[in-house]
Amino acid sequence: MIYTGFVRRVDSLGRITIPSELRTLLNISARDAVEIFRIEDAFVLKKYSPCDIFTGEMDELIEFEGKKISKNSILKMAQIAGFTIV
């Protein structure tokens, strides 16, 4: 983990504010959905992206480097790169 130096208090409704510097760094805008994961005694927030980052497709998604990509996009990229798909 990377220490950010940010400390926030939980309000009476259980909410916290994500600092604008972190929202900018993670490309999180107002009204964006975030996923919440628990790892032992820590929470991890991640911008939620349920569809292909290139086409918006929602079928046959594969997660790579924290991003979702459809099999169709992978095949198209492989063709553009000159790979032969058997």
N, C-alpha and C. Protein backbone atom coordinates (compact mmCIF):
# COMPACT_ATOMS: atom_id res chain seq x y z
N MET A 1 0.84 -1.18 0.00
CA MET A 1 0.00 0.00 0.00
C MET A 1 0.88 1.25 0.00
N ILE A 2 0.35 2.30 -0.55
CA ILE A 2 1.06 3.58 -0.58
C ILE A 2 0.37 4.53 0.39
N TYR A 3 1.11 5.05 1.33
CA TYR A 3 0.55 5.99 2.30
C TYR A 3 0.29 7.33 1.63
N THR A 4 -0.94 7.86 1.80
CA THR A 4 -1.29 9.13 1.15
C THR A 4 -1.18 10.32 2.09
N GLY A 5 -1.26 10.08 3.39
CA GLY A 5 -1.23 11.18 4.35
C GLY A 5 -2.60 11.76 4.62
N PHE A 6 -3.63 11.29 3.91
CA PHE A 6 -4.99 11.79 4.11
C PHE A 6 -5.66 11.03 5.25
N VAL A 7 -6.32 11.77 6.12
CA VAL A 7 -7.12 11.17 7.20
C VAL A 7 -8.49 11.80 7.14
N ARG A 8 -9.53 10.98 7.16
CA ARG A 8 -10.90 11.48 7.13
C ARG A 8 -11.69 10.82 8.25
N ARG A 9 -12.63 11.57 8.83
CA ARG A 9 -13.51 11.03 9.86
C ARG A 9 -14.78 10.50 9.20
N VAL A 10 -15.32 9.44 9.77
CA VAL A 10 -16.59 8.90 9.33
C VAL A 10 -17.69 9.74 9.97
N ASP A 11 -18.67 10.21 9.16
CA ASP A 11 -19.75 11.03 9.73
C ASP A 11 -20.81 10.15 10.37
N SER A 12 -21.84 10.75 10.92
CA SER A 12 -22.87 10.01 11.66
C SER A 12 -23.66 9.04 10.78
N LEU A 13 -23.61 9.21 9.46
CA LEU A 13 -24.28 8.30 8.54
C LEU A 13 -23.33 7.24 7.98
N GLY A 14 -22.08 7.23 8.46
CA GLY A 14 -21.10 6.24 8.01
C GLY A 14 -20.37 6.61 6.74
N ARG A 15 -20.44 7.88 6.34
CA ARG A 15 -19.81 8.32 5.09
C ARG A 15 -18.43 8.92 5.35
N ILE A 16 -17.60 8.83 4.32
CA ILE A 16 -16.31 9.53 4.32
C ILE A 16 -16.20 10.29 3.01
N THR A 17 -15.35 11.30 2.99
CA THR A 17 -15.10 12.06 1.78
C THR A 17 -13.76 11.63 1.20
N ILE A 18 -13.76 11.31 -0.10
CA ILE A 18 -12.51 10.95 -0.78
C ILE A 18 -11.87 12.24 -1.25
N PRO A 19 -10.63 12.52 -0.85
CA PRO A 19 -9.97 13.77 -1.23
C PRO A 19 -9.93 13.96 -2.76
N SER A 20 -10.07 15.19 -3.20
CA SER A 20 -10.12 15.48 -4.64
C SER A 20 -8.85 15.03 -5.35
N GLU A 21 -7.71 15.10 -4.69
CA GLU A 21 -6.45 14.66 -5.31
C GLU A 21 -6.52 13.17 -5.66
N LEU A 22 -7.10 12.37 -4.77
CA LEU A 22 -7.23 10.93 -5.04
C LEU A 22 -8.28 10.66 -6.10
N ARG A 23 -9.39 11.40 -6.07
CA ARG A 23 -10.42 11.22 -7.10
C ARG A 23 -9.85 11.54 -8.48
N THR A 24 -9.05 12.59 -8.57
CA THR A 24 -8.43 12.96 -9.85
C THR A 24 -7.46 11.87 -10.30
N LEU A 25 -6.64 11.40 -9.38
CA LEU A 25 -5.65 10.37 -9.68
C LEU A 25 -6.31 9.09 -10.19
N LEU A 26 -7.46 8.74 -9.62
CA LEU A 26 -8.16 7.51 -9.99
C LEU A 26 -9.28 7.72 -11.00
N ASN A 27 -9.38 8.95 -11.51
CA ASN A 27 -10.39 9.29 -12.52
C ASN A 27 -11.81 9.00 -12.02
N ILE A 28 -12.08 9.38 -10.78
CA ILE A 28 -13.40 9.20 -10.18
C ILE A 28 -14.10 10.55 -10.14
N SER A 29 -15.27 10.61 -10.78
CA SER A 29 -16.06 11.84 -10.82
C SER A 29 -17.29 11.69 -9.94
N ALA A 30 -17.98 12.81 -9.70
CA ALA A 30 -19.22 12.78 -8.95
C ALA A 30 -20.18 11.81 -9.62
N ARG A 31 -20.88 11.04 -8.84
CA ARG A 31 -21.88 10.06 -9.27
C ARG A 31 -21.28 8.77 -9.83
N ASP A 32 -19.94 8.65 -9.93
CA ASP A 32 -19.33 7.39 -10.35
C ASP A 32 -19.53 6.34 -9.26
N ALA A 33 -19.64 5.10 -9.67
CA ALA A 33 -19.75 4.00 -8.72
C ALA A 33 -18.34 3.52 -8.36
N VAL A 34 -18.17 3.14 -7.12
CA VAL A 34 -16.90 2.55 -6.68
C VAL A 34 -17.19 1.19 -6.06
N GLU A 35 -16.26 0.27 -6.25
CA GLU A 35 -16.35 -1.04 -5.62
C GLU A 35 -15.59 -0.97 -4.30
N ILE A 36 -16.07 -1.70 -3.31
CA ILE A 36 -15.42 -1.73 -2.01
C ILE A 36 -15.01 -3.16 -1.72
N PHE A 37 -13.73 -3.36 -1.48
CA PHE A 37 -13.18 -4.66 -1.15
C PHE A 37 -12.62 -4.63 0.26
N ARG A 38 -12.63 -5.76 0.92
CA ARG A 38 -12.01 -5.86 2.23
C ARG A 38 -10.82 -6.81 2.12
N ILE A 39 -9.67 -6.35 2.56
CA ILE A 39 -8.47 -7.18 2.62
C ILE A 39 -8.00 -7.15 4.06
N GLU A 40 -8.23 -8.26 4.74
CA GLU A 40 -7.95 -8.38 6.17
C GLU A 40 -8.60 -7.24 6.93
N ASP A 41 -7.82 -6.31 7.50
CA ASP A 41 -8.41 -5.23 8.28
C ASP A 41 -8.42 -3.90 7.54
N ALA A 42 -8.39 -3.96 6.20
CA ALA A 42 -8.37 -2.73 5.39
C ALA A 42 -9.46 -2.77 4.33
N PHE A 43 -9.91 -1.60 3.91
CA PHE A 43 -10.86 -1.46 2.80
C PHE A 43 -10.10 -0.92 1.60
N VAL A 44 -10.48 -1.39 0.43
CA VAL A 44 -9.91 -0.91 -0.82
C VAL A 44 -11.06 -0.39 -1.67
N LEU A 45 -10.94 0.84 -2.16
CA LEU A 45 -11.94 1.42 -3.06
C LEU A 45 -11.38 1.40 -4.47
N LYS A 46 -12.24 1.03 -5.44
CA LYS A 46 -11.81 0.97 -6.83
C LYS A 46 -12.96 1.47 -7.69
N LYS A 47 -12.64 2.29 -8.68
CA LYS A 47 -13.69 2.76 -9.59
C LYS A 47 -14.32 1.55 -10.27
N TYR A 48 -15.65 1.52 -10.27
CA TYR A 48 -16.38 0.39 -10.85
C TYR A 48 -16.55 0.58 -12.33
N SER A 49 -16.15 -0.41 -13.10
CA SER A 49 -16.34 -0.36 -14.55
C SER A 49 -16.84 -1.72 -15.03
N PRO A 50 -18.16 -1.86 -15.16
CA PRO A 50 -18.74 -3.16 -15.49
C PRO A 50 -18.73 -3.51 -16.97
N CYS A 51 -18.13 -2.68 -17.80
CA CYS A 51 -18.19 -2.94 -19.24
C CYS A 51 -16.82 -2.75 -19.87
N ASP A 52 -16.71 -3.20 -21.11
CA ASP A 52 -15.48 -3.06 -21.88
C ASP A 52 -15.07 -1.59 -21.93
N ILE A 53 -13.82 -1.32 -21.60
CA ILE A 53 -13.35 0.07 -21.55
C ILE A 53 -13.26 0.71 -22.93
N PHE A 54 -13.26 -0.10 -23.99
CA PHE A 54 -13.16 0.45 -25.34
C PHE A 54 -14.51 0.60 -26.02
N THR A 55 -15.38 -0.42 -25.88
CA THR A 55 -16.62 -0.43 -26.65
C THR A 55 -17.88 -0.29 -25.82
N GLY A 56 -17.78 -0.50 -24.52
CA GLY A 56 -18.96 -0.47 -23.67
C GLY A 56 -19.71 -1.78 -23.64
N GLU A 57 -19.21 -2.78 -24.37
CA GLU A 57 -19.83 -4.11 -24.36
C GLU A 57 -19.86 -4.68 -22.95
N MET A 58 -20.87 -5.49 -22.67
CA MET A 58 -20.98 -6.08 -21.35
C MET A 58 -20.90 -7.60 -21.39
N ASP A 59 -20.68 -8.18 -22.57
CA ASP A 59 -20.64 -9.64 -22.72
C ASP A 59 -19.21 -10.15 -22.76
N GLU A 60 -19.00 -11.32 -22.17
CA GLU A 60 -17.72 -12.02 -22.20
C GLU A 60 -16.55 -11.11 -21.81
N LEU A 61 -16.63 -10.55 -20.62
CA LEU A 61 -15.58 -9.65 -20.14
C LEU A 61 -14.46 -10.41 -19.46
N ILE A 62 -13.26 -9.92 -19.66
CA ILE A 62 -12.07 -10.43 -19.00
C ILE A 62 -11.43 -9.27 -18.27
N GLU A 63 -10.98 -9.49 -17.03
CA GLU A 63 -10.33 -8.41 -16.30
C GLU A 63 -8.83 -8.50 -16.52
N PHE A 64 -8.23 -7.37 -16.90
CA PHE A 64 -6.79 -7.30 -17.14
C PHE A 64 -6.28 -5.99 -16.57
N GLU A 65 -5.31 -6.09 -15.66
CA GLU A 65 -4.71 -4.90 -15.04
C GLU A 65 -5.79 -4.00 -14.44
N GLY A 66 -6.83 -4.62 -13.86
CA GLY A 66 -7.87 -3.85 -13.21
C GLY A 66 -8.91 -3.25 -14.15
N LYS A 67 -8.81 -3.55 -15.44
CA LYS A 67 -9.76 -3.04 -16.44
C LYS A 67 -10.51 -4.20 -17.05
N LYS A 68 -11.73 -3.96 -17.49
CA LYS A 68 -12.52 -4.99 -18.13
C LYS A 68 -12.48 -4.81 -19.66
N ILE A 69 -12.21 -5.92 -20.36
CA ILE A 69 -12.09 -5.90 -21.81
C ILE A 69 -12.88 -7.10 -22.34
N SER A 70 -13.67 -6.89 -23.39
CA SER A 70 -14.44 -8.00 -23.96
C SER A 70 -13.54 -8.86 -24.85
N LYS A 71 -13.96 -10.10 -25.01
CA LYS A 71 -13.20 -11.00 -25.89
C LYS A 71 -13.18 -10.44 -27.32
N ASN A 72 -14.27 -9.81 -27.75
CA ASN A 72 -14.30 -9.22 -29.10
C ASN A 72 -13.23 -8.16 -29.26
N SER A 73 -13.04 -7.30 -28.26
CA SER A 73 -12.01 -6.27 -28.35
C SER A 73 -10.62 -6.89 -28.39
N ILE A 74 -10.42 -7.94 -27.61
CA ILE A 74 -9.12 -8.61 -27.61
C ILE A 74 -8.83 -9.20 -28.98
N LEU A 75 -9.83 -9.84 -29.58
CA LEU A 75 -9.64 -10.41 -30.92
C LEU A 75 -9.34 -9.34 -31.95
N LYS A 76 -10.06 -8.22 -31.89
CA LYS A 76 -9.82 -7.12 -32.84
C LYS A 76 -8.41 -6.54 -32.66
N MET A 77 -7.98 -6.38 -31.41
CA MET A 77 -6.63 -5.84 -31.15
C MET A 77 -5.57 -6.82 -31.65
N ALA A 78 -5.81 -8.11 -31.47
CA ALA A 78 -4.87 -9.12 -31.95
C ALA A 78 -4.75 -9.07 -33.47
N GLN A 79 -5.88 -8.89 -34.16
CA GLN A 79 -5.85 -8.77 -35.63
C GLN A 79 -5.10 -7.53 -36.06
N ILE A 80 -5.35 -6.41 -35.40
CA ILE A 80 -4.65 -5.16 -35.73
C ILE A 80 -3.15 -5.31 -35.51
N ALA A 81 -2.78 -6.06 -34.47
CA ALA A 81 -1.36 -6.27 -34.16
C ALA A 81 -0.72 -7.30 -35.09
N GLY A 82 -1.53 -7.95 -35.92
CA GLY A 82 -0.99 -8.90 -36.89
C GLY A 82 -0.91 -10.33 -36.41
N PHE A 83 -1.56 -10.64 -35.27
CA PHE A 83 -1.56 -12.01 -34.78
C PHE A 83 -2.61 -12.83 -35.52
N THR A 84 -2.30 -14.09 -35.78
CA THR A 84 -3.26 -14.98 -36.40
C THR A 84 -3.96 -15.76 -35.31
N ILE A 85 -5.28 -15.71 -35.30
CA ILE A 85 -6.08 -16.40 -34.30
C ILE A 85 -6.52 -17.75 -34.90
N VAL A 86 -6.18 -18.80 -34.20
CA VAL A 86 -6.51 -20.15 -34.70
C VAL A 86 -7.83 -20.60 -34.13
